[in-house]
Amino acid sequence: MSAIRNGLKRRGRLMAQAVSPPRRNLDAVPAPRRPAEEAKDAYVAPRAPRLVDSPVFVLSSVRSGSTLLRVLLNSHSRIRAPHEMHLRTLHVHLSRHFTADAMEALELDKDELEHVLWDRVLHLELTRSGKDVIVDKTPPNTLIWPRLQRCWPDARYIVLLRHPGAVVTSLTRRRTDPDHEQIRAEVLDYSEKLDEARRGLDAHVLTYEELTTEPETATRDLCGYLGVPWEPAMLDYGKKDHGTFRPQLGDWSTTIKSGRVQPARPADPTAELPPRLVELARAWGYPVD
């Protein structure tokens, strides 16, 4: 009888669990937010002090020679230019409904928390290198340059241009099963933001074609903009350690691994470009048929 009673109790507990709603993990699931709390999302925090006051950002389209520019700069004794850091994909998550209130009491919001994190990453990398100028050359930074400017009002910018037709050709060759329409749209998105930055920022502008044709002149001008003396070792970047060349962190082709500056491939004259890309190419001084 005792065994029967215990069995019935156990069955009762199992039945109760089966019909009960699932238990929620309060640490994993944010509590519902009330309208009054949602209104606090409008709070904009003041800018916190930065550890790195004047970082340098290379703004360019993908497949525009930014990895070559990175290793040339990184070969300088005072300039640290690491692999692509992808700061824009580094986010802060406020997981509970009261977290925003706690941060607001500290004069912080989600954007400013991310800015502080980005700044800390740059400072950590700069400190480890023992140098005093840091350069981030991640091409997608071009798509968020207004936010970079908001984060670092004293940042400096290098706008690296390349013939849009050559960028389209390079992307097409790089991809296994290229979607030509998608590639042209991608290049156009980058080019539009790049042109905005070219016109809206007090930036140093150079072309990939200039960099590969006259690397000494191009790097001398760059050093003048950055306020550091030019060093001949910059042109012999193959003798320096620049980390591993691999996908998602920059170019990994045999060209960049060769350790020497090589001529830029010209644009394919038969490549079809949207009218707006043709217009931008002309505005940048490139011949377009």
Protein backbone atom coordinates (compact mmCIF):
# COMPACT_ATOMS: atom_id res chain seq x y z
CA MET A 1 0.00 0.00 0.00
CA SER A 2 2.91 2.33 0.81
CA ALA A 3 4.42 1.72 -2.61
CA ILE A 4 1.06 2.40 -4.27
CA ARG A 5 0.66 5.68 -2.36
CA ASN A 6 4.18 6.84 -3.33
CA GLY A 7 3.54 5.92 -6.95
CA LEU A 8 0.29 7.91 -7.01
CA LYS A 9 2.01 10.95 -5.49
CA ARG A 10 4.81 10.78 -8.05
CA ARG A 11 2.31 10.49 -10.90
CA GLY A 12 0.44 13.48 -9.52
CA ARG A 13 3.59 15.60 -9.48
CA LEU A 14 4.44 14.63 -13.06
CA MET A 15 0.92 15.48 -14.22
CA ALA A 16 1.12 18.88 -12.52
CA GLN A 17 4.45 19.63 -14.20
CA ALA A 18 3.08 18.58 -17.58
CA VAL A 19 0.16 21.01 -17.50
CA SER A 20 2.01 23.89 -15.82
CA PRO A 21 3.48 26.72 -17.98
CA PRO A 22 7.27 26.56 -18.43
CA ARG A 23 9.37 28.31 -15.80
CA ARG A 24 11.20 31.39 -16.98
CA ASN A 25 14.86 32.10 -16.40
CA LEU A 26 14.68 35.61 -14.97
CA ASP A 27 18.36 36.25 -15.63
CA ALA A 28 18.07 35.34 -19.30
CA VAL A 29 14.70 36.93 -20.18
CA PRO A 30 14.26 40.69 -19.69
CA ALA A 31 11.19 41.74 -17.76
CA PRO A 32 8.44 43.42 -19.80
CA ARG A 33 9.04 47.15 -20.14
CA ARG A 34 6.40 49.68 -19.27
CA PRO A 35 5.74 52.66 -21.56
CA ALA A 36 7.35 55.02 -19.04
CA GLU A 37 10.54 52.96 -19.15
CA GLU A 38 10.56 52.88 -22.96
CA ALA A 39 10.44 56.67 -22.99
CA LYS A 40 13.80 56.71 -21.24
CA ASP A 41 15.41 55.31 -24.40
CA ALA A 42 15.46 58.92 -25.60
CA TYR A 43 18.20 59.73 -23.08
CA VAL A 44 21.47 60.66 -24.78
CA ALA A 45 24.55 60.43 -22.59
CA PRO A 46 27.32 63.02 -22.71
CA ARG A 47 30.63 61.94 -24.20
CA ALA A 48 32.88 60.24 -21.66
CA PRO A 49 36.65 60.93 -21.62
CA ARG A 50 38.62 58.94 -24.17
CA LEU A 51 41.85 57.04 -23.62
CA VAL A 52 42.72 57.52 -27.31
CA ASP A 53 41.93 61.09 -28.35
CA SER A 54 42.88 61.03 -32.02
CA PRO A 55 42.79 57.58 -33.63
CA VAL A 56 43.19 57.26 -37.39
CA PHE A 57 40.60 55.52 -39.57
CA VAL A 58 41.15 54.37 -43.13
CA LEU A 59 37.86 54.74 -45.01
CA SER A 60 37.62 52.71 -48.19
CA SER A 61 35.52 50.26 -50.11
CA VAL A 62 36.30 46.58 -49.88
CA ARG A 63 38.95 45.41 -52.40
CA SER A 64 40.56 48.86 -52.53
CA GLY A 65 44.05 48.16 -51.22
CA SER A 66 43.41 48.96 -47.57
CA THR A 67 45.45 45.95 -46.40
CA LEU A 68 48.45 47.16 -48.39
CA LEU A 69 48.06 50.59 -46.83
CA ARG A 70 47.79 48.98 -43.39
CA VAL A 71 51.04 47.04 -43.64
CA LEU A 72 52.91 50.04 -45.03
CA LEU A 73 51.74 52.13 -42.06
CA ASN A 74 52.31 49.32 -39.58
CA SER A 75 55.94 49.13 -40.73
CA HIS A 76 56.52 52.59 -39.22
CA SER A 77 58.18 52.63 -35.80
CA ARG A 78 55.45 54.87 -34.34
CA ILE A 79 52.31 53.64 -36.09
CA ARG A 80 50.30 50.59 -35.05
CA ALA A 81 47.92 49.38 -37.75
CA PRO A 82 46.55 45.96 -36.72
CA HIS A 83 44.24 43.68 -38.67
CA GLU A 84 40.61 44.70 -39.21
CA MET A 85 39.02 45.22 -35.79
CA HIS A 86 35.35 45.43 -36.82
CA LEU A 87 34.40 47.79 -34.00
CA ARG A 88 30.92 48.34 -35.42
CA THR A 89 30.06 44.69 -34.68
CA LEU A 90 31.17 45.01 -31.05
CA HIS A 91 28.01 45.71 -29.06
CA VAL A 92 26.83 46.19 -25.49
CA HIS A 93 23.65 44.41 -24.31
CA LEU A 94 21.59 45.86 -21.46
CA SER A 95 19.92 42.64 -20.37
CA ARG A 96 17.49 43.79 -17.63
CA HIS A 97 14.85 46.49 -17.59
CA PHE A 98 16.63 48.40 -14.83
CA THR A 99 20.09 48.29 -16.44
CA ALA A 100 19.43 51.38 -18.55
CA ASP A 101 18.36 53.26 -15.40
CA ALA A 102 21.57 52.24 -13.63
CA MET A 103 23.66 53.39 -16.59
CA GLU A 104 21.77 56.67 -16.93
CA ALA A 105 22.60 57.40 -13.27
CA LEU A 106 26.25 57.08 -14.36
CA GLU A 107 25.64 59.38 -17.37
CA LEU A 108 25.93 56.50 -19.83
CA ASP A 109 23.66 55.00 -22.46
CA LYS A 110 24.03 52.03 -24.81
CA ASP A 111 25.83 53.99 -27.56
CA GLU A 112 28.25 55.64 -25.16
CA LEU A 113 28.96 52.33 -23.43
CA GLU A 114 29.90 50.92 -26.84
CA HIS A 115 32.06 53.96 -27.54
CA VAL A 116 33.89 53.47 -24.24
CA LEU A 117 34.43 49.81 -25.13
CA TRP A 118 35.72 50.67 -28.61
CA ASP A 119 38.07 53.25 -27.13
CA ARG A 120 39.37 50.73 -24.59
CA VAL A 121 40.11 48.18 -27.35
CA LEU A 122 42.12 50.75 -29.32
CA HIS A 123 43.99 51.87 -26.21
CA LEU A 124 44.81 48.29 -25.22
CA GLU A 125 46.20 47.52 -28.69
CA LEU A 126 48.18 50.76 -28.78
CA THR A 127 49.64 50.15 -25.32
CA ARG A 128 50.67 46.60 -26.22
CA SER A 129 52.44 47.82 -29.35
CA GLY A 130 54.50 50.47 -27.56
CA LYS A 131 53.69 52.94 -30.37
CA ASP A 132 51.78 56.24 -30.19
CA VAL A 133 49.54 56.34 -33.31
CA ILE A 134 46.85 53.73 -33.97
CA VAL A 135 45.15 53.12 -37.32
CA ASP A 136 42.02 51.03 -37.90
CA LYS A 137 41.53 50.13 -41.54
CA THR A 138 38.29 48.08 -41.40
CA PRO A 139 36.40 48.89 -44.67
CA PRO A 140 32.89 48.66 -43.09
CA ASN A 141 33.90 51.62 -40.89
CA THR A 142 33.16 53.63 -44.04
CA LEU A 143 29.47 52.80 -43.57
CA ILE A 144 29.41 54.28 -40.05
CA TRP A 145 31.84 57.20 -40.34
CA PRO A 146 29.37 59.71 -38.80
CA ARG A 147 29.26 57.60 -35.64
CA LEU A 148 33.04 57.37 -35.53
CA GLN A 149 33.15 61.13 -35.76
CA ARG A 150 30.66 61.37 -32.89
CA CYS A 151 32.71 58.94 -30.81
CA TRP A 152 36.06 60.63 -31.54
CA PRO A 153 35.60 64.30 -32.56
CA ASP A 154 39.38 64.62 -32.97
CA ALA A 155 39.86 61.46 -35.04
CA ARG A 156 41.83 61.66 -38.28
CA TYR A 157 40.79 60.01 -41.53
CA ILE A 158 42.50 58.61 -44.60
CA VAL A 159 40.11 58.28 -47.54
CA LEU A 160 41.44 55.60 -49.88
CA LEU A 161 39.84 55.60 -53.33
CA ARG A 162 40.00 53.07 -56.12
CA HIS A 163 38.33 53.04 -59.53
CA PRO A 164 34.84 51.58 -58.85
CA GLY A 165 35.13 49.46 -61.98
CA ALA A 166 38.32 47.87 -60.63
CA VAL A 167 36.59 47.18 -57.31
CA VAL A 168 33.70 45.46 -59.11
CA THR A 169 36.18 43.37 -61.12
CA SER A 170 38.17 42.41 -58.01
CA LEU A 171 35.06 41.35 -56.09
CA THR A 172 33.81 39.35 -59.06
CA ARG A 173 37.11 37.46 -59.31
CA ARG A 174 37.24 36.83 -55.57
CA ARG A 175 33.79 35.21 -55.26
CA THR A 176 33.07 31.63 -56.27
CA ASP A 177 29.58 32.18 -57.68
CA PRO A 178 29.37 35.97 -58.11
CA ASP A 179 26.01 37.73 -58.12
CA HIS A 180 26.86 40.62 -60.43
CA GLU A 181 23.87 42.75 -59.49
CA GLN A 182 24.56 42.29 -55.78
CA ILE A 183 28.26 43.15 -56.26
CA ARG A 184 27.44 46.37 -58.11
CA ALA A 185 24.97 47.31 -55.35
CA GLU A 186 27.57 46.60 -52.65
CA VAL A 187 30.21 48.71 -54.37
CA LEU A 188 27.70 51.51 -54.84
CA ASP A 189 26.79 51.50 -51.12
CA TYR A 190 30.45 51.81 -50.15
CA SER A 191 31.12 54.44 -52.80
CA GLU A 192 28.21 56.63 -51.70
CA LYS A 193 29.38 56.66 -48.07
CA LEU A 194 32.99 57.12 -49.15
CA ASP A 195 32.07 60.14 -51.23
CA GLU A 196 30.12 61.59 -48.28
CA ALA A 197 33.22 61.20 -46.11
CA ARG A 198 35.47 62.68 -48.81
CA ARG A 199 33.30 65.79 -48.96
CA GLY A 200 32.32 66.03 -45.29
CA LEU A 201 35.59 65.33 -43.45
CA ASP A 202 38.92 67.09 -43.29
CA ALA A 203 40.59 63.89 -44.47
CA HIS A 204 43.75 62.94 -46.30
CA VAL A 205 42.66 61.58 -49.69
CA LEU A 206 44.73 59.25 -51.84
CA THR A 207 44.09 56.59 -54.45
CA TYR A 208 45.15 52.96 -54.56
CA GLU A 209 46.61 53.65 -57.99
CA GLU A 210 48.86 56.39 -56.53
CA LEU A 211 49.84 54.17 -53.62
CA THR A 212 51.02 51.37 -55.92
CA THR A 213 52.59 53.59 -58.59
CA GLU A 214 54.41 56.04 -56.31
CA PRO A 215 54.52 54.38 -52.87
CA GLU A 216 57.30 56.61 -51.52
CA THR A 217 55.53 59.83 -52.47
CA ALA A 218 52.20 58.54 -51.16
CA THR A 219 53.62 57.40 -47.82
CA ARG A 220 55.64 60.59 -47.38
CA ASP A 221 52.47 62.63 -47.79
CA LEU A 222 50.67 60.34 -45.35
CA CYS A 223 53.38 60.73 -42.74
CA GLY A 224 53.15 64.48 -43.11
CA TYR A 225 49.40 64.32 -42.45
CA LEU A 226 49.91 62.09 -39.40
CA GLY A 227 52.73 64.22 -38.01
CA VAL A 228 55.44 61.57 -38.03
CA PRO A 229 58.71 61.47 -40.00
CA TRP A 230 58.79 59.25 -43.07
CA GLU A 231 60.78 56.02 -42.74
CA PRO A 232 62.20 54.05 -45.72
CA ALA A 233 61.40 50.79 -43.90
CA MET A 234 57.72 51.43 -44.62
CA LEU A 235 58.24 50.36 -48.24
CA ASP A 236 59.86 47.07 -47.25
CA TYR A 237 56.86 45.82 -45.30
CA GLY A 238 57.68 42.16 -45.94
CA LYS A 239 60.44 42.32 -43.31
CA LYS A 240 57.99 43.27 -40.55
CA ASP A 241 55.53 41.14 -38.56
CA HIS A 242 51.95 42.09 -39.48
CA GLY A 243 50.18 39.06 -38.05
CA THR A 244 48.39 36.37 -39.99
CA PHE A 245 46.75 37.25 -43.30
CA ARG A 246 43.37 35.50 -43.29
CA PRO A 247 39.72 36.04 -44.30
CA GLN A 248 37.56 38.53 -42.36
CA LEU A 249 40.70 40.28 -41.06
CA GLY A 250 41.84 41.78 -44.36
CA ASP A 251 43.33 40.66 -47.67
CA TRP A 252 44.98 37.23 -47.64
CA SER A 253 46.01 36.92 -51.29
CA THR A 254 49.43 35.95 -52.57
CA THR A 255 49.86 39.56 -53.67
CA ILE A 256 49.81 40.95 -50.13
CA LYS A 257 51.82 37.99 -48.82
CA SER A 258 54.59 38.73 -51.34
CA GLY A 259 55.92 41.47 -49.06
CA ARG A 260 56.31 44.06 -51.81
CA VAL A 261 54.16 46.72 -53.44
CA GLN A 262 52.78 45.55 -56.77
CA PRO A 263 51.01 47.54 -59.51
CA ALA A 264 47.24 47.87 -59.18
CA ARG A 265 45.12 45.97 -61.65
CA PRO A 266 43.22 48.38 -63.89
CA ALA A 267 39.46 48.43 -64.23
CA ASP A 268 37.91 46.08 -66.77
CA PRO A 269 36.80 48.39 -69.60
CA THR A 270 33.94 46.01 -70.42
CA ALA A 271 32.57 46.00 -66.84
CA GLU A 272 29.04 47.37 -66.69
CA LEU A 273 28.60 50.07 -64.04
CA PRO A 274 25.40 51.71 -62.80
CA PRO A 275 25.07 55.39 -63.86
CA ARG A 276 25.67 56.58 -60.28
CA LEU A 277 28.95 54.64 -60.04
CA VAL A 278 30.05 56.19 -63.32
CA GLU A 279 29.23 59.61 -61.89
CA LEU A 280 31.24 58.94 -58.71
CA ALA A 281 34.20 57.58 -60.68
CA ARG A 282 34.33 60.79 -62.71
CA ALA A 283 34.03 62.91 -59.56
CA TRP A 284 37.09 61.08 -58.19
CA GLY A 285 39.08 61.81 -61.34
CA TYR A 286 38.85 58.41 -63.01
CA PRO A 287 38.28 58.07 -66.75
CA VAL A 288 35.04 56.27 -67.59
CA ASP A 289 33.83 55.50 -71.11
